[in-house]
Amino acid sequence: AARVFPPAQVTYEWIPRERNKHADRLANEAMDAGKRGTQWEPSRST
């Protein structure tokens, strides 16, 4: 993660879980896909 951008270009901020819904839903879509034996597909994401 530290190699993707020079460190001076990236800052980090903690947010409560309820403010991270978009990424949380993507993670759950990925796990749901894994349960079906497939991988996450962008075209099916809501």
All heavy atoms as atom14 arrays in JSON, in Angstrom:
{
  "sequence": "AARVFPPAQVTYEWIPRERNKHADRLANEAMDAGKRGTQWEPSRST",
  "atom14_mask": [
    [1, 1, 1, 1, 1, 0, 0, 0, 0, 0, 0, 0, 0, 0],
    [1, 1, 1, 1, 1, 0, 0, 0, 0, 0, 0, 0, 0, 0],
    [1, 1, 1, 1, 1, 1, 1, 1, 1, 1, 1, 0, 0, 0],
    [1, 1, 1, 1, 1, 1, 1, 0, 0, 0, 0, 0, 0, 0],
    [1, 1, 1, 1, 1, 1, 1, 1, 1, 1, 1, 0, 0, 0],
    [1, 1, 1, 1, 1, 1, 1, 0, 0, 0, 0, 0, 0, 0],
    [1, 1, 1, 1, 1, 1, 1, 0, 0, 0, 0, 0, 0, 0],
    [1, 1, 1, 1, 1, 0, 0, 0, 0, 0, 0, 0, 0, 0],
    [1, 1, 1, 1, 1, 1, 1, 1, 1, 0, 0, 0, 0, 0],
    [1, 1, 1, 1, 1, 1, 1, 0, 0, 0, 0, 0, 0, 0],
    [1, 1, 1, 1, 1, 1, 1, 0, 0, 0, 0, 0, 0, 0],
    [1, 1, 1, 1, 1, 1, 1, 1, 1, 1, 1, 1, 0, 0],
    [1, 1, 1, 1, 1, 1, 1, 1, 1, 0, 0, 0, 0, 0],
    [1, 1, 1, 1, 1, 1, 1, 1, 1, 1, 1, 1, 1, 1],
    [1, 1, 1, 1, 1, 1, 1, 1, 0, 0, 0, 0, 0, 0],
    [1, 1, 1, 1, 1, 1, 1, 0, 0, 0, 0, 0, 0, 0],
    [1, 1, 1, 1, 1, 1, 1, 1, 1, 1, 1, 0, 0, 0],
    [1, 1, 1, 1, 1, 1, 1, 1, 1, 0, 0, 0, 0, 0],
    [1, 1, 1, 1, 1, 1, 1, 1, 1, 1, 1, 0, 0, 0],
    [1, 1, 1, 1, 1, 1, 1, 1, 0, 0, 0, 0, 0, 0],
    [1, 1, 1, 1, 1, 1, 1, 1, 1, 0, 0, 0, 0, 0],
    [1, 1, 1, 1, 1, 1, 1, 1, 1, 1, 0, 0, 0, 0],
    [1, 1, 1, 1, 1, 0, 0, 0, 0, 0, 0, 0, 0, 0],
    [1, 1, 1, 1, 1, 1, 1, 1, 0, 0, 0, 0, 0, 0],
    [1, 1, 1, 1, 1, 1, 1, 1, 1, 1, 1, 0, 0, 0],
    [1, 1, 1, 1, 1, 1, 1, 1, 0, 0, 0, 0, 0, 0],
    [1, 1, 1, 1, 1, 0, 0, 0, 0, 0, 0, 0, 0, 0],
    [1, 1, 1, 1, 1, 1, 1, 1, 0, 0, 0, 0, 0, 0],
    [1, 1, 1, 1, 1, 1, 1, 1, 1, 0, 0, 0, 0, 0],
    [1, 1, 1, 1, 1, 0, 0, 0, 0, 0, 0, 0, 0, 0],
    [1, 1, 1, 1, 1, 1, 1, 1, 0, 0, 0, 0, 0, 0],
    [1, 1, 1, 1, 1, 1, 1, 1, 0, 0, 0, 0, 0, 0],
    [1, 1, 1, 1, 1, 0, 0, 0, 0, 0, 0, 0, 0, 0],
    [1, 1, 1, 1, 0, 0, 0, 0, 0, 0, 0, 0, 0, 0],
    [1, 1, 1, 1, 1, 1, 1, 1, 1, 0, 0, 0, 0, 0],
    [1, 1, 1, 1, 1, 1, 1, 1, 1, 1, 1, 0, 0, 0],
    [1, 1, 1, 1, 0, 0, 0, 0, 0, 0, 0, 0, 0, 0],
    [1, 1, 1, 1, 1, 1, 1, 0, 0, 0, 0, 0, 0, 0],
    [1, 1, 1, 1, 1, 1, 1, 1, 1, 0, 0, 0, 0, 0],
    [1, 1, 1, 1, 1, 1, 1, 1, 1, 1, 1, 1, 1, 1],
    [1, 1, 1, 1, 1, 1, 1, 1, 1, 0, 0, 0, 0, 0],
    [1, 1, 1, 1, 1, 1, 1, 0, 0, 0, 0, 0, 0, 0],
    [1, 1, 1, 1, 1, 1, 0, 0, 0, 0, 0, 0, 0, 0],
    [1, 1, 1, 1, 1, 1, 1, 1, 1, 1, 1, 0, 0, 0],
    [1, 1, 1, 1, 1, 1, 0, 0, 0, 0, 0, 0, 0, 0],
    [1, 1, 1, 1, 1, 1, 1, 0, 0, 0, 0, 0, 0, 0]
  ],
  "atom14_positions": [
    [[0.83, -1.21, 0.0], [0.0, 0.0, 0.0], [0.86, 1.26, 0.0], [0.56, 2.24, -0.69], [-0.93, 0.0, 1.22], [0.0, 0.0, 0.0], [0.0, 0.0, 0.0], [0.0, 0.0, 0.0], [0.0, 0.0, 0.0], [0.0, 0.0, 0.0], [0.0, 0.0, 0.0], [0.0, 0.0, 0.0], [0.0, 0.0, 0.0], [0.0, 0.0, 0.0]],
    [[1.96, 1.23, 0.75], [2.82, 2.41, 0.85], [3.55, 2.7, -0.45], [4.01, 3.84, -0.65], [3.82, 2.21, 1.99], [0.0, 0.0, 0.0], [0.0, 0.0, 0.0], [0.0, 0.0, 0.0], [0.0, 0.0, 0.0], [0.0, 0.0, 0.0], [0.0, 0.0, 0.0], [0.0, 0.0, 0.0], [0.0, 0.0, 0.0], [0.0, 0.0, 0.0]],
    [[3.69, 1.71, -1.33], [4.42, 1.9, -2.59], [3.56, 2.46, -3.71], [4.08, 2.91, -4.73], [5.03, 0.58, -3.04], [6.21, 0.1, -2.2], [6.95, -1.03, -2.92], [6.09, -2.2, -3.12], [6.03, -3.23, -2.29], [6.75, -3.21, -1.17], [5.25, -4.26, -2.54], [0.0, 0.0, 0.0], [0.0, 0.0, 0.0], [0.0, 0.0, 0.0]],
    [[2.24, 2.43, -3.57], [1.36, 2.84, -4.68], [1.55, 4.32, -4.99], [1.7, 4.72, -6.15], [-0.11, 2.53, -4.36], [-1.01, 2.99, -5.51], [-0.31, 1.04, -4.1], [0.0, 0.0, 0.0], [0.0, 0.0, 0.0], [0.0, 0.0, 0.0], [0.0, 0.0, 0.0], [0.0, 0.0, 0.0], [0.0, 0.0, 0.0], [0.0, 0.0, 0.0]],
    [[1.51, 5.16, -3.97], [1.73, 6.6, -4.12], [2.91, 7.0, -3.24], [3.17, 6.36, -2.21], [0.51, 7.41, -3.66], [-0.64, 7.44, -4.62], [-1.68, 6.53, -4.51], [-0.7, 8.4, -5.63], [-2.76, 6.57, -5.38], [-1.76, 8.44, -6.5], [-2.8, 7.53, -6.38], [0.0, 0.0, 0.0], [0.0, 0.0, 0.0], [0.0, 0.0, 0.0]],
    [[3.61, 8.07, -3.57], [4.57, 8.63, -2.61], [3.84, 8.98, -1.31], [2.71, 9.48, -1.35], [5.09, 9.88, -3.32], [4.88, 9.61, -4.77], [3.63, 8.79, -4.85], [0.0, 0.0, 0.0], [0.0, 0.0, 0.0], [0.0, 0.0, 0.0], [0.0, 0.0, 0.0], [0.0, 0.0, 0.0], [0.0, 0.0, 0.0], [0.0, 0.0, 0.0]],
    [[4.45, 8.72, -0.16], [3.76, 8.95, 1.11], [3.2, 10.35, 1.29], [2.15, 10.53, 1.91], [4.85, 8.66, 2.15], [5.77, 7.71, 1.46], [5.77, 8.11, 0.02], [0.0, 0.0, 0.0], [0.0, 0.0, 0.0], [0.0, 0.0, 0.0], [0.0, 0.0, 0.0], [0.0, 0.0, 0.0], [0.0, 0.0, 0.0], [0.0, 0.0, 0.0]],
    [[3.86, 11.36, 0.71], [3.4, 12.74, 0.88], [2.07, 13.0, 0.19], [1.4, 14.0, 0.49], [4.45, 13.71, 0.34], [0.0, 0.0, 0.0], [0.0, 0.0, 0.0], [0.0, 0.0, 0.0], [0.0, 0.0, 0.0], [0.0, 0.0, 0.0], [0.0, 0.0, 0.0], [0.0, 0.0, 0.0], [0.0, 0.0, 0.0], [0.0, 0.0, 0.0]],
    [[1.65, 12.11, -0.71], [0.4, 12.32, -1.45], [-0.8, 11.67, -0.78], [-1.94, 11.84, -1.26], [0.54, 11.78, -2.88], [1.48, 12.58, -3.76], [1.66, 11.98, -5.14], [2.76, 11.93, -5.67], [0.58, 11.49, -5.74], [0.0, 0.0, 0.0], [0.0, 0.0, 0.0], [0.0, 0.0, 0.0], [0.0, 0.0, 0.0], [0.0, 0.0, 0.0]],
    [[-0.59, 10.92, 0.29], [-1.68, 10.15, 0.9], [-1.84, 10.51, 2.38], [-0.85, 10.56, 3.11], [-1.43, 8.63, 0.77], [-2.64, 7.85, 1.29], [-1.15, 8.26, -0.69], [0.0, 0.0, 0.0], [0.0, 0.0, 0.0], [0.0, 0.0, 0.0], [0.0, 0.0, 0.0], [0.0, 0.0, 0.0], [0.0, 0.0, 0.0], [0.0, 0.0, 0.0]],
    [[-3.07, 10.75, 2.79], [-3.38, 10.93, 4.21], [-4.45, 9.92, 4.6], [-5.21, 9.43, 3.74], [-3.89, 12.35, 4.52], [-5.05, 12.62, 3.72], [-2.82, 13.39, 4.24], [0.0, 0.0, 0.0], [0.0, 0.0, 0.0], [0.0, 0.0, 0.0], [0.0, 0.0, 0.0], [0.0, 0.0, 0.0], [0.0, 0.0, 0.0], [0.0, 0.0, 0.0]],
    [[-4.53, 9.61, 5.91], [-5.45, 8.58, 6.39], [-6.37, 9.17, 7.45], [-5.94, 9.97, 8.3], [-4.68, 7.4, 6.97], [-3.98, 6.59, 5.9], [-2.72, 6.95, 5.45], [-4.6, 5.49, 5.33], [-2.08, 6.22, 4.45], [-3.98, 4.75, 4.34], [-2.72, 5.12, 3.9], [-2.11, 4.4, 2.91], [0.0, 0.0, 0.0], [0.0, 0.0, 0.0]],
    [[-7.63, 8.76, 7.39], [-8.64, 9.27, 8.33], [-9.55, 8.12, 8.76], [-10.05, 7.36, 7.91], [-9.47, 10.37, 7.66], [-10.64, 10.87, 8.46], [-11.55, 11.8, 7.66], [-11.18, 12.15, 6.51], [-12.63, 12.15, 8.17], [0.0, 0.0, 0.0], [0.0, 0.0, 0.0], [0.0, 0.0, 0.0], [0.0, 0.0, 0.0], [0.0, 0.0, 0.0]],
    [[-9.76, 8.0, 10.06], [-10.72, 7.01, 10.55], [-12.12, 7.59, 10.48], [-12.35, 8.76, 10.79], [-10.42, 6.63, 12.0], [-11.43, 5.65, 12.55], [-11.43, 4.31, 12.43], [-12.62, 5.98, 13.28], [-12.54, 3.75, 13.03], [-13.29, 4.76, 13.56], [-13.19, 7.18, 13.71], [-14.49, 4.73, 14.26], [-14.39, 7.14, 14.41], [-15.02, 5.92, 14.69]],
    [[-13.09, 6.79, 10.03], [-14.49, 7.18, 10.02], [-15.31, 6.07, 10.65], [-14.92, 4.9, 10.63], [-15.01, 7.46, 8.59], [-14.81, 6.24, 7.68], [-14.37, 8.71, 8.01], [-15.43, 6.39, 6.3], [0.0, 0.0, 0.0], [0.0, 0.0, 0.0], [0.0, 0.0, 0.0], [0.0, 0.0, 0.0], [0.0, 0.0, 0.0], [0.0, 0.0, 0.0]],
    [[-16.45, 6.4, 11.26], [-17.3, 5.34, 11.82], [-17.86, 4.43, 10.73], [-17.96, 4.83, 9.57], [-18.42, 6.11, 12.53], [-18.3, 7.52, 12.13], [-16.99, 7.74, 11.5], [0.0, 0.0, 0.0], [0.0, 0.0, 0.0], [0.0, 0.0, 0.0], [0.0, 0.0, 0.0], [0.0, 0.0, 0.0], [0.0, 0.0, 0.0], [0.0, 0.0, 0.0]],
    [[-18.2, 3.22, 11.13], [-18.66, 2.22, 10.17], [-19.85, 2.69, 9.34], [-19.93, 2.41, 8.14], [-19.03, 0.93, 10.93], [-19.43, -0.23, 10.02], [-19.74, -1.47, 10.84], [-20.12, -2.59, 9.99], [-19.27, -3.38, 9.38], [-17.98, -3.2, 9.52], [-19.7, -4.39, 8.62], [0.0, 0.0, 0.0], [0.0, 0.0, 0.0], [0.0, 0.0, 0.0]],
    [[-20.76, 3.45, 9.96], [-21.95, 3.88, 9.23], [-21.64, 4.88, 8.11], [-22.48, 5.13, 7.25], [-22.99, 4.48, 10.19], [-22.53, 5.7, 10.98], [-21.92, 5.32, 12.31], [-21.54, 4.13, 12.49], [-21.83, 6.21, 13.17], [0.0, 0.0, 0.0], [0.0, 0.0, 0.0], [0.0, 0.0, 0.0], [0.0, 0.0, 0.0], [0.0, 0.0, 0.0]],
    [[-20.45, 5.44, 8.12], [-20.06, 6.35, 7.06], [-19.21, 5.66, 5.99], [-18.71, 6.31, 5.08], [-19.3, 7.55, 7.64], [-20.18, 8.5, 8.44], [-19.38, 9.62, 9.05], [-18.62, 10.36, 8.05], [-17.64, 11.2, 8.33], [-17.27, 11.4, 9.59], [-17.0, 11.85, 7.38], [0.0, 0.0, 0.0], [0.0, 0.0, 0.0], [0.0, 0.0, 0.0]],
    [[-19.07, 4.36, 6.11], [-18.27, 3.61, 5.14], [-19.14, 2.57, 4.42], [-18.68, 1.48, 4.09], [-17.1, 2.92, 5.86], [-15.95, 2.57, 4.93], [-15.77, 3.22, 3.9], [-15.17, 1.57, 5.29], [0.0, 0.0, 0.0], [0.0, 0.0, 0.0], [0.0, 0.0, 0.0], [0.0, 0.0, 0.0], [0.0, 0.0, 0.0], [0.0, 0.0, 0.0]],
    [[-20.4, 2.91, 4.19], [-21.37, 1.95, 3.68], [-21.05, 1.47, 2.27], [-21.28, 0.3, 1.94], [-22.77, 2.57, 3.7], [-23.34, 2.8, 5.1], [-23.56, 1.5, 5.83], [-24.25, 1.71, 7.16], [-24.39, 0.45, 7.91], [0.0, 0.0, 0.0], [0.0, 0.0, 0.0], [0.0, 0.0, 0.0], [0.0, 0.0, 0.0], [0.0, 0.0, 0.0]],
    [[-20.54, 2.37, 1.43], [-20.31, 1.99, 0.04], [-19.26, 0.86, -0.04], [-19.5, -0.19, -0.65], [-19.84, 3.22, -0.74], [-19.84, 3.04, -2.23], [-19.98, 4.08, -3.11], [-19.72, 1.94, -3.01], [-19.94, 3.63, -4.34], [-19.77, 2.32, -4.31], [0.0, 0.0, 0.0], [0.0, 0.0, 0.0], [0.0, 0.0, 0.0], [0.0, 0.0, 0.0]],
    [[-18.11, 1.07, 0.61], [-17.07, 0.05, 0.59], [-17.52, -1.22, 1.3], [-17.21, -2.35, 0.88], [-15.79, 0.6, 1.22], [0.0, 0.0, 0.0], [0.0, 0.0, 0.0], [0.0, 0.0, 0.0], [0.0, 0.0, 0.0], [0.0, 0.0, 0.0], [0.0, 0.0, 0.0], [0.0, 0.0, 0.0], [0.0, 0.0, 0.0], [0.0, 0.0, 0.0]],
    [[-18.26, -1.07, 2.4], [-18.77, -2.22, 3.13], [-19.68, -3.07, 2.25], [-19.6, -4.31, 2.25], [-19.52, -1.73, 4.38], [-20.2, -2.87, 5.13], [-19.49, -3.64, 5.79], [-21.44, -2.98, 5.05], [0.0, 0.0, 0.0], [0.0, 0.0, 0.0], [0.0, 0.0, 0.0], [0.0, 0.0, 0.0], [0.0, 0.0, 0.0], [0.0, 0.0, 0.0]],
    [[-20.54, -2.42, 1.48], [-21.45, -3.17, 0.61], [-20.68, -3.86, -0.52], [-21.02, -4.97, -0.94], [-22.52, -2.24, 0.05], [-23.64, -2.0, 1.07], [-24.56, -0.85, 0.66], [-25.79, -0.87, 1.43], [-25.9, -0.52, 2.71], [-24.81, -0.11, 3.35], [-27.05, -0.57, 3.35], [0.0, 0.0, 0.0], [0.0, 0.0, 0.0], [0.0, 0.0, 0.0]],
    [[-19.64, -3.2, -1.03], [-18.82, -3.86, -2.04], [-18.16, -5.12, -1.48], [-18.11, -6.17, -2.14], [-17.76, -2.89, -2.55], [-18.24, -1.77, -3.48], [-17.15, -0.73, -3.69], [-18.68, -2.34, -4.83], [0.0, 0.0, 0.0], [0.0, 0.0, 0.0], [0.0, 0.0, 0.0], [0.0, 0.0, 0.0], [0.0, 0.0, 0.0], [0.0, 0.0, 0.0]],
    [[-17.63, -5.03, -0.26], [-17.0, -6.2, 0.37], [-18.0, -7.33, 0.54], [-17.68, -8.51, 0.3], [-16.4, -5.8, 1.71], [0.0, 0.0, 0.0], [0.0, 0.0, 0.0], [0.0, 0.0, 0.0], [0.0, 0.0, 0.0], [0.0, 0.0, 0.0], [0.0, 0.0, 0.0], [0.0, 0.0, 0.0], [0.0, 0.0, 0.0], [0.0, 0.0, 0.0]],
    [[-19.21, -6.99, 0.95], [-20.23, -8.03, 1.13], [-20.68, -8.62, -0.2], [-20.96, -9.82, -0.28], [-21.42, -7.45, 1.9], [-21.19, -7.49, 3.4], [-21.26, -8.54, 4.03], [-20.89, -6.34, 3.97], [0.0, 0.0, 0.0], [0.0, 0.0, 0.0], [0.0, 0.0, 0.0], [0.0, 0.0, 0.0], [0.0, 0.0, 0.0], [0.0, 0.0, 0.0]],
    [[-20.74, -7.78, -1.24], [-21.04, -8.33, -2.57], [-19.96, -9.32, -2.99], [-20.26, -10.37, -3.58], [-21.13, -7.2, -3.59], [-22.4, -6.37, -3.5], [-22.5, -5.31, -4.58], [-21.51, -5.11, -5.31], [-23.56, -4.69, -4.71], [0.0, 0.0, 0.0], [0.0, 0.0, 0.0], [0.0, 0.0, 0.0], [0.0, 0.0, 0.0], [0.0, 0.0, 0.0]],
    [[-18.7, -9.0, -2.71], [-17.61, -9.91, -3.06], [-17.72, -11.23, -2.31], [-17.52, -12.32, -2.87], [-16.27, -9.23, -2.78], [0.0, 0.0, 0.0], [0.0, 0.0, 0.0], [0.0, 0.0, 0.0], [0.0, 0.0, 0.0], [0.0, 0.0, 0.0], [0.0, 0.0, 0.0], [0.0, 0.0, 0.0], [0.0, 0.0, 0.0], [0.0, 0.0, 0.0]],
    [[-18.04, -11.15, -1.0], [-18.19, -12.38, -0.21], [-19.39, -13.18, -0.66], [-19.35, -14.42, -0.69], [-18.27, -12.02, 1.27], [-16.93, -11.6, 1.86], [-16.97, -11.31, 3.64], [-17.69, -9.67, 3.7], [0.0, 0.0, 0.0], [0.0, 0.0, 0.0], [0.0, 0.0, 0.0], [0.0, 0.0, 0.0], [0.0, 0.0, 0.0], [0.0, 0.0, 0.0]],
    [[-20.48, -12.5, -1.02], [-21.65, -13.21, -1.54], [-21.31, -13.93, -2.84], [-21.75, -15.07, -3.07], [-22.79, -12.22, -1.79], [-23.39, -11.69, -0.49], [-23.17, -12.32, 0.57], [-24.07, -10.65, -0.53], [0.0, 0.0, 0.0], [0.0, 0.0, 0.0], [0.0, 0.0, 0.0], [0.0, 0.0, 0.0], [0.0, 0.0, 0.0], [0.0, 0.0, 0.0]],
    [[-20.53, -13.26, -3.7], [-20.12, -13.9, -4.96], [-19.26, -15.13, -4.67], [-19.42, -16.18, -5.32], [-19.35, -12.89, -5.83], [0.0, 0.0, 0.0], [0.0, 0.0, 0.0], [0.0, 0.0, 0.0], [0.0, 0.0, 0.0], [0.0, 0.0, 0.0], [0.0, 0.0, 0.0], [0.0, 0.0, 0.0], [0.0, 0.0, 0.0], [0.0, 0.0, 0.0]],
    [[-18.34, -15.01, -3.7], [-17.51, -16.16, -3.34], [-18.33, -17.33, -2.85], [-18.02, -18.49, -3.13], [0.0, 0.0, 0.0], [0.0, 0.0, 0.0], [0.0, 0.0, 0.0], [0.0, 0.0, 0.0], [0.0, 0.0, 0.0], [0.0, 0.0, 0.0], [0.0, 0.0, 0.0], [0.0, 0.0, 0.0], [0.0, 0.0, 0.0], [0.0, 0.0, 0.0]],
    [[-19.38, -17.04, -2.11], [-20.26, -18.1, -1.62], [-20.94, -18.84, -2.77], [-21.21, -20.05, -2.68], [-21.31, -17.49, -0.68], [-22.18, -18.49, 0.03], [-23.13, -17.79, 1.0], [-24.0, -18.8, 1.74], [-24.91, -18.1, 2.71], [0.0, 0.0, 0.0], [0.0, 0.0, 0.0], [0.0, 0.0, 0.0], [0.0, 0.0, 0.0], [0.0, 0.0, 0.0]],
    [[-21.19, -18.09, -3.87], [-21.8, -18.72, -5.04], [-20.77, -19.41, -5.93], [-21.11, -20.0, -6.95], [-22.53, -17.66, -5.88], [-23.7, -16.99, -5.18], [-24.51, -16.15, -6.17], [-23.7, -15.11, -6.78], [-23.6, -13.86, -6.32], [-24.26, -13.52, -5.21], [-22.86, -12.98, -6.95], [0.0, 0.0, 0.0], [0.0, 0.0, 0.0], [0.0, 0.0, 0.0]],
    [[-19.51, -19.28, -5.58], [-18.45, -19.88, -6.38], [-18.05, -19.02, -7.56], [-17.47, -19.51, -8.54], [0.0, 0.0, 0.0], [0.0, 0.0, 0.0], [0.0, 0.0, 0.0], [0.0, 0.0, 0.0], [0.0, 0.0, 0.0], [0.0, 0.0, 0.0], [0.0, 0.0, 0.0], [0.0, 0.0, 0.0], [0.0, 0.0, 0.0], [0.0, 0.0, 0.0]],
    [[-18.36, -17.71, -7.51], [-18.01, -16.8, -8.59], [-17.19, -15.64, -8.02], [-16.87, -15.61, -6.84], [-19.28, -16.24, -9.27], [-20.04, -15.49, -8.31], [-20.14, -17.37, -9.82], [0.0, 0.0, 0.0], [0.0, 0.0, 0.0], [0.0, 0.0, 0.0], [0.0, 0.0, 0.0], [0.0, 0.0, 0.0], [0.0, 0.0, 0.0], [0.0, 0.0, 0.0]],
    [[-16.86, -14.69, -8.88], [-16.19, -13.47, -8.44], [-17.12, -12.27, -8.65], [-18.08, -12.32, -9.43], [-14.88, -13.23, -9.2], [-13.68, -13.96, -8.6], [-13.25, -13.4, -7.25], [-13.79, -12.42, -6.73], [-12.26, -14.04, -6.63], [0.0, 0.0, 0.0], [0.0, 0.0, 0.0], [0.0, 0.0, 0.0], [0.0, 0.0, 0.0], [0.0, 0.0, 0.0]],
    [[-16.85, -11.21, -7.94], [-17.64, -9.97, -8.03], [-17.59, -9.41, -9.44], [-16.53, -9.38, -10.07], [-17.08, -8.95, -7.05], [-17.74, -7.61, -7.08], [-18.92, -7.26, -6.48], [-17.25, -6.43, -7.7], [-19.19, -5.93, -6.71], [-18.18, -5.39, -7.45], [-16.12, -6.13, -8.46], [-18.02, -4.09, -7.93], [-15.94, -4.85, -8.94], [-16.88, -3.85, -8.68]],
    [[-18.74, -8.96, -9.94], [-18.82, -8.37, -11.26], [-19.32, -6.92, -11.14], [-20.4, -6.67, -10.59], [-19.8, -9.15, -12.14], [-19.38, -10.59, -12.38], [-20.41, -11.35, -13.21], [-21.07, -10.7, -14.06], [-20.58, -12.56, -12.99], [0.0, 0.0, 0.0], [0.0, 0.0, 0.0], [0.0, 0.0, 0.0], [0.0, 0.0, 0.0], [0.0, 0.0, 0.0]],
    [[-18.55, -5.95, -11.64], [-18.96, -4.55, -11.54], [-20.35, -4.28, -12.12], [-21.12, -3.48, -11.57], [-17.89, -3.8, -12.34], [-16.7, -4.71, -12.33], [-17.26, -6.1, -12.31], [0.0, 0.0, 0.0], [0.0, 0.0, 0.0], [0.0, 0.0, 0.0], [0.0, 0.0, 0.0], [0.0, 0.0, 0.0], [0.0, 0.0, 0.0], [0.0, 0.0, 0.0]],
    [[-20.69, -4.97, -13.2], [-21.97, -4.71, -13.86], [-23.17, -5.12, -13.02], [-24.28, -4.64, -13.23], [-22.03, -5.45, -15.21], [-21.92, -6.85, -15.01], [0.0, 0.0, 0.0], [0.0, 0.0, 0.0], [0.0, 0.0, 0.0], [0.0, 0.0, 0.0], [0.0, 0.0, 0.0], [0.0, 0.0, 0.0], [0.0, 0.0, 0.0], [0.0, 0.0, 0.0]],
    [[-22.95, -5.99, -12.03], [-24.05, -6.45, -11.18], [-24.09, -5.75, -9.83], [-24.95, -6.01, -9.01], [-23.93, -7.96, -10.96], [-24.01, -8.78, -12.24], [-23.89, -10.27, -11.96], [-24.98, -10.76, -11.13], [-25.1, -12.02, -10.73], [-24.18, -12.91, -11.09], [-26.11, -12.39, -9.96], [0.0, 0.0, 0.0], [0.0, 0.0, 0.0], [0.0, 0.0, 0.0]],
    [[-23.16, -4.84, -9.6], [-23.06, -4.19, -8.29], [-24.15, -3.15, -8.09], [-24.46, -2.36, -8.99], [-21.7, -3.53, -8.13], [-21.63, -2.83, -6.9], [0.0, 0.0, 0.0], [0.0, 0.0, 0.0], [0.0, 0.0, 0.0], [0.0, 0.0, 0.0], [0.0, 0.0, 0.0], [0.0, 0.0, 0.0], [0.0, 0.0, 0.0], [0.0, 0.0, 0.0]],
    [[-24.73, -3.15, -6.9], [-25.69, -2.11, -6.5], [-25.18, -1.36, -5.27], [-25.95, -0.67, -4.6], [-27.07, -2.72, -6.19], [-26.94, -3.64, -5.1], [-27.65, -3.43, -7.41], [0.0, 0.0, 0.0], [0.0, 0.0, 0.0], [0.0, 0.0, 0.0], [0.0, 0.0, 0.0], [0.0, 0.0, 0.0], [0.0, 0.0, 0.0], [0.0, 0.0, 0.0]]
  ]
}
